[in-house]
Amino acid sequence: MSKSEIYEYAIIRLVPKVEREEFLNIGVILYSKRKDYLDIKIHIDEDRISAFSKDLDVAMIKEYLDGWIKVCKGSKEGGPIGKLDMHLRFRWLTANRSTIIQSSKVHPGYSSDPAEELDKLFLKFVV
């Protein structure tokens, strides 16, 4: 059995009207330095989003989230941020911001399998 190591995660939130501070959980990002792991899972439930706020452009949201995924994966299409080291990409993605897509505060945990832990967190907080 692999040794448990600390990881950090944040919930990705859709905040349609930033001034109201209401949000929907739409994803999870998880980083483990010792396991050399960074990944993100996103789920867009268009019916739920539409019920929450009829003014949202779901196609635009998907484009923004695609950018988050590219940065997370270290893709060259992620621009200058996507080229940064893994821990810096995680910090950039989880930085405080006042935009339609935000992350929660970063939380710690322990796991021997960060991919499995990401799946568990995704099921618990998003779907």
C-alpha atoms as a PDB file:
ATOM      1  CA  MET A   1       0.000   0.000   0.000  1.00  0.00           C
ATOM      2  CA  SER A   2       1.224   3.445  -0.920  1.00  0.00           C
ATOM      3  CA  LYS A   3       1.946   5.932   1.841  1.00  0.00           C
ATOM      4  CA  SER A   4      -0.652   8.631   2.519  1.00  0.00           C
ATOM      5  CA  GLU A   5       0.556  12.116   1.729  1.00  0.00           C
ATOM      6  CA  ILE A   6      -0.939  15.533   2.291  1.00  0.00           C
ATOM      7  CA  TYR A   7      -2.933  17.082  -0.510  1.00  0.00           C
ATOM      8  CA  GLU A   8      -4.763  20.368  -0.960  1.00  0.00           C
ATOM      9  CA  TYR A   9      -8.053  20.942  -2.697  1.00  0.00           C
ATOM     10  CA  ALA A  10     -10.543  23.672  -3.474  1.00  0.00           C
ATOM     11  CA  ILE A  11     -14.097  23.652  -4.771  1.00  0.00           C
ATOM     12  CA  ILE A  12     -14.675  25.458  -8.071  1.00  0.00           C
ATOM     13  CA  ARG A  13     -17.736  27.677  -7.897  1.00  0.00           C
ATOM     14  CA  LEU A  14     -19.948  29.402 -10.416  1.00  0.00           C
ATOM     15  CA  VAL A  15     -20.943  32.819  -9.053  1.00  0.00           C
ATOM     16  CA  PRO A  16     -23.490  34.321 -11.472  1.00  0.00           C
ATOM     17  CA  LYS A  17     -23.899  37.616  -9.625  1.00  0.00           C
ATOM     18  CA  VAL A  18     -20.701  38.291  -7.714  1.00  0.00           C
ATOM     19  CA  GLU A  19     -22.310  41.038  -5.644  1.00  0.00           C
ATOM     20  CA  ARG A  20     -24.886  38.558  -4.264  1.00  0.00           C
ATOM     21  CA  GLU A  21     -22.233  35.965  -3.332  1.00  0.00           C
ATOM     22  CA  GLU A  22     -24.527  33.072  -4.291  1.00  0.00           C
ATOM     23  CA  PHE A  23     -22.820  30.154  -5.978  1.00  0.00           C
ATOM     24  CA  LEU A  24     -23.085  26.636  -7.375  1.00  0.00           C
ATOM     25  CA  ASN A  25     -20.321  24.093  -6.898  1.00  0.00           C
ATOM     26  CA  ILE A  26     -19.203  23.002 -10.369  1.00  0.00           C
ATOM     27  CA  GLY A  27     -15.842  21.343  -9.817  1.00  0.00           C
ATOM     28  CA  VAL A  28     -12.897  20.379  -7.649  1.00  0.00           C
ATOM     29  CA  ILE A  29      -9.180  20.948  -8.069  1.00  0.00           C
ATOM     30  CA  LEU A  30      -6.685  18.833  -6.124  1.00  0.00           C
ATOM     31  CA  TYR A  31      -2.920  19.208  -5.728  1.00  0.00           C
ATOM     32  CA  SER A  32      -0.391  16.932  -4.027  1.00  0.00           C
ATOM     33  CA  LYS A  33       3.227  18.044  -4.113  1.00  0.00           C
ATOM     34  CA  ARG A  34       4.611  14.750  -2.835  1.00  0.00           C
ATOM     35  CA  LYS A  35       2.551  12.716  -5.304  1.00  0.00           C
ATOM     36  CA  ASP A  36       3.381  15.163  -8.129  1.00  0.00           C
ATOM     37  CA  TYR A  37      -0.319  15.464  -8.901  1.00  0.00           C
ATOM     38  CA  LEU A  38      -2.584  18.265 -10.049  1.00  0.00           C
ATOM     39  CA  ASP A  39      -5.976  17.692 -11.619  1.00  0.00           C
ATOM     40  CA  ILE A  40      -9.397  19.247 -11.920  1.00  0.00           C
ATOM     41  CA  LYS A  41     -12.883  17.816 -12.454  1.00  0.00           C
ATOM     42  CA  ILE A  42     -15.724  19.975 -13.722  1.00  0.00           C
ATOM     43  CA  HIS A  43     -19.441  19.257 -14.115  1.00  0.00           C
ATOM     44  CA  ILE A  44     -21.753  21.664 -15.909  1.00  0.00           C
ATOM     45  CA  ASP A  45     -25.425  20.912 -15.252  1.00  0.00           C
ATOM     46  CA  GLU A  46     -27.078  23.312 -17.690  1.00  0.00           C
ATOM     47  CA  ASP A  47     -30.581  22.774 -16.259  1.00  0.00           C
ATOM     48  CA  ARG A  48     -29.396  23.540 -12.736  1.00  0.00           C
ATOM     49  CA  ILE A  49     -27.457  26.586 -13.906  1.00  0.00           C
ATOM     50  CA  SER A  50     -30.460  27.865 -15.842  1.00  0.00           C
ATOM     51  CA  ALA A  51     -32.707  27.408 -12.804  1.00  0.00           C
ATOM     52  CA  PHE A  52     -30.168  29.278 -10.673  1.00  0.00           C
ATOM     53  CA  SER A  53     -29.704  32.181 -13.076  1.00  0.00           C
ATOM     54  CA  LYS A  54     -31.391  32.593 -16.436  1.00  0.00           C
ATOM     55  CA  ASP A  55     -28.961  35.344 -17.502  1.00  0.00           C
ATOM     56  CA  LEU A  56     -25.895  33.113 -17.793  1.00  0.00           C
ATOM     57  CA  ASP A  57     -24.193  32.284 -21.071  1.00  0.00           C
ATOM     58  CA  VAL A  58     -23.313  28.612 -20.544  1.00  0.00           C
ATOM     59  CA  ALA A  59     -21.124  28.509 -23.671  1.00  0.00           C
ATOM     60  CA  MET A  60     -19.029  31.364 -22.259  1.00  0.00           C
ATOM     61  CA  ILE A  61     -18.737  29.587 -18.905  1.00  0.00           C
ATOM     62  CA  LYS A  62     -17.553  26.416 -20.662  1.00  0.00           C
ATOM     63  CA  GLU A  63     -14.899  28.455 -22.500  1.00  0.00           C
ATOM     64  CA  TYR A  64     -13.644  29.966 -19.238  1.00  0.00           C
ATOM     65  CA  LEU A  65     -13.531  26.548 -17.595  1.00  0.00           C
ATOM     66  CA  ASP A  66     -11.695  25.119 -20.586  1.00  0.00           C
ATOM     67  CA  GLY A  67      -9.028  27.734 -19.865  1.00  0.00           C
ATOM     68  CA  TRP A  68      -8.861  26.573 -16.230  1.00  0.00           C
ATOM     69  CA  ILE A  69      -8.426  22.983 -17.409  1.00  0.00           C
ATOM     70  CA  LYS A  70      -5.628  23.970 -19.806  1.00  0.00           C
ATOM     71  CA  VAL A  71      -3.795  25.847 -17.062  1.00  0.00           C
ATOM     72  CA  CYS A  72      -4.280  22.954 -14.621  1.00  0.00           C
ATOM     73  CA  LYS A  73      -2.918  20.426 -17.119  1.00  0.00           C
ATOM     74  CA  GLY A  74       0.092  22.599 -17.958  1.00  0.00           C
ATOM     75  CA  SER A  75      -0.964  22.825 -21.578  1.00  0.00           C
ATOM     76  CA  LYS A  76       0.793  25.307 -23.850  1.00  0.00           C
ATOM     77  CA  GLU A  77      -2.714  26.525 -24.743  1.00  0.00           C
ATOM     78  CA  GLY A  78      -2.917  27.608 -21.081  1.00  0.00           C
ATOM     79  CA  GLY A  79      -0.705  30.569 -21.974  1.00  0.00           C
ATOM     80  CA  PRO A  80       2.044  31.861 -19.686  1.00  0.00           C
ATOM     81  CA  ILE A  81       0.272  30.572 -16.560  1.00  0.00           C
ATOM     82  CA  GLY A  82      -0.018  27.097 -18.102  1.00  0.00           C
ATOM     83  CA  LYS A  83       3.771  27.008 -18.462  1.00  0.00           C
ATOM     84  CA  LEU A  84       4.399  27.553 -14.753  1.00  0.00           C
ATOM     85  CA  ASP A  85       5.382  24.785 -12.347  1.00  0.00           C
ATOM     86  CA  MET A  86       2.533  22.674 -10.979  1.00  0.00           C
ATOM     87  CA  HIS A  87       2.400  24.298  -7.527  1.00  0.00           C
ATOM     88  CA  LEU A  88       2.273  27.790  -9.060  1.00  0.00           C
ATOM     89  CA  ARG A  89      -0.558  26.802 -11.409  1.00  0.00           C
ATOM     90  CA  PHE A  90      -2.506  25.480  -8.416  1.00  0.00           C
ATOM     91  CA  ARG A  91      -1.919  28.694  -6.465  1.00  0.00           C
ATOM     92  CA  TRP A  92      -2.988  30.803  -9.455  1.00  0.00           C
ATOM     93  CA  LEU A  93      -6.171  28.775  -9.974  1.00  0.00           C
ATOM     94  CA  THR A  94      -7.101  28.954  -6.284  1.00  0.00           C
ATOM     95  CA  ALA A  95      -6.250  32.633  -5.790  1.00  0.00           C
ATOM     96  CA  ASN A  96      -9.033  34.905  -4.513  1.00  0.00           C
ATOM     97  CA  ARG A  97     -10.908  36.594  -7.317  1.00  0.00           C
ATOM     98  CA  SER A  98     -14.148  38.463  -7.875  1.00  0.00           C
ATOM     99  CA  THR A  99     -15.241  36.825 -11.101  1.00  0.00           C
ATOM    100  CA  ILE A 100     -18.005  34.519 -12.252  1.00  0.00           C
ATOM    101  CA  ILE A 101     -15.737  31.488 -11.661  1.00  0.00           C
ATOM    102  CA  GLN A 102     -14.046  31.285  -8.266  1.00  0.00           C
ATOM    103  CA  SER A 103     -12.551  28.716  -5.947  1.00  0.00           C
ATOM    104  CA  SER A 104     -13.223  28.107  -2.292  1.00  0.00           C
ATOM    105  CA  LYS A 105     -10.475  28.450   0.255  1.00  0.00           C
ATOM    106  CA  VAL A 106      -7.878  25.706   0.013  1.00  0.00           C
ATOM    107  CA  HIS A 107      -8.414  22.730   2.332  1.00  0.00           C
ATOM    108  CA  PRO A 108      -5.936  19.961   3.288  1.00  0.00           C
ATOM    109  CA  GLY A 109      -6.328  16.209   3.471  1.00  0.00           C
ATOM    110  CA  TYR A 110      -4.333  12.960   3.429  1.00  0.00           C
ATOM    111  CA  SER A 111      -4.499  10.231   0.814  1.00  0.00           C
ATOM    112  CA  SER A 112      -2.344   7.599  -0.833  1.00  0.00           C
ATOM    113  CA  ASP A 113      -4.246   8.036  -4.117  1.00  0.00           C
ATOM    114  CA  PRO A 114      -4.958  11.666  -5.078  1.00  0.00           C
ATOM    115  CA  ALA A 115      -6.926  10.691  -8.211  1.00  0.00           C
ATOM    116  CA  GLU A 116      -9.268   8.563  -6.111  1.00  0.00           C
ATOM    117  CA  GLU A 117      -9.561  11.360  -3.560  1.00  0.00           C
ATOM    118  CA  LEU A 118     -10.442  13.843  -6.319  1.00  0.00           C
ATOM    119  CA  ASP A 119     -13.250  11.520  -7.429  1.00  0.00           C
ATOM    120  CA  LYS A 120     -14.554  11.246  -3.849  1.00  0.00           C
ATOM    121  CA  LEU A 121     -14.510  15.011  -3.326  1.00  0.00           C
ATOM    122  CA  PHE A 122     -16.176  15.570  -6.685  1.00  0.00           C
ATOM    123  CA  LEU A 123     -19.016  13.195  -5.785  1.00  0.00           C
ATOM    124  CA  LYS A 124     -19.364  14.705  -2.316  1.00  0.00           C
ATOM    125  CA  PHE A 125     -19.368  18.388  -3.240  1.00  0.00           C
ATOM    126  CA  VAL A 126     -20.397  18.700  -6.888  1.00  0.00           C
ATOM    127  CA  VAL A 127     -22.676  15.976  -8.242  1.00  0.00           C
END
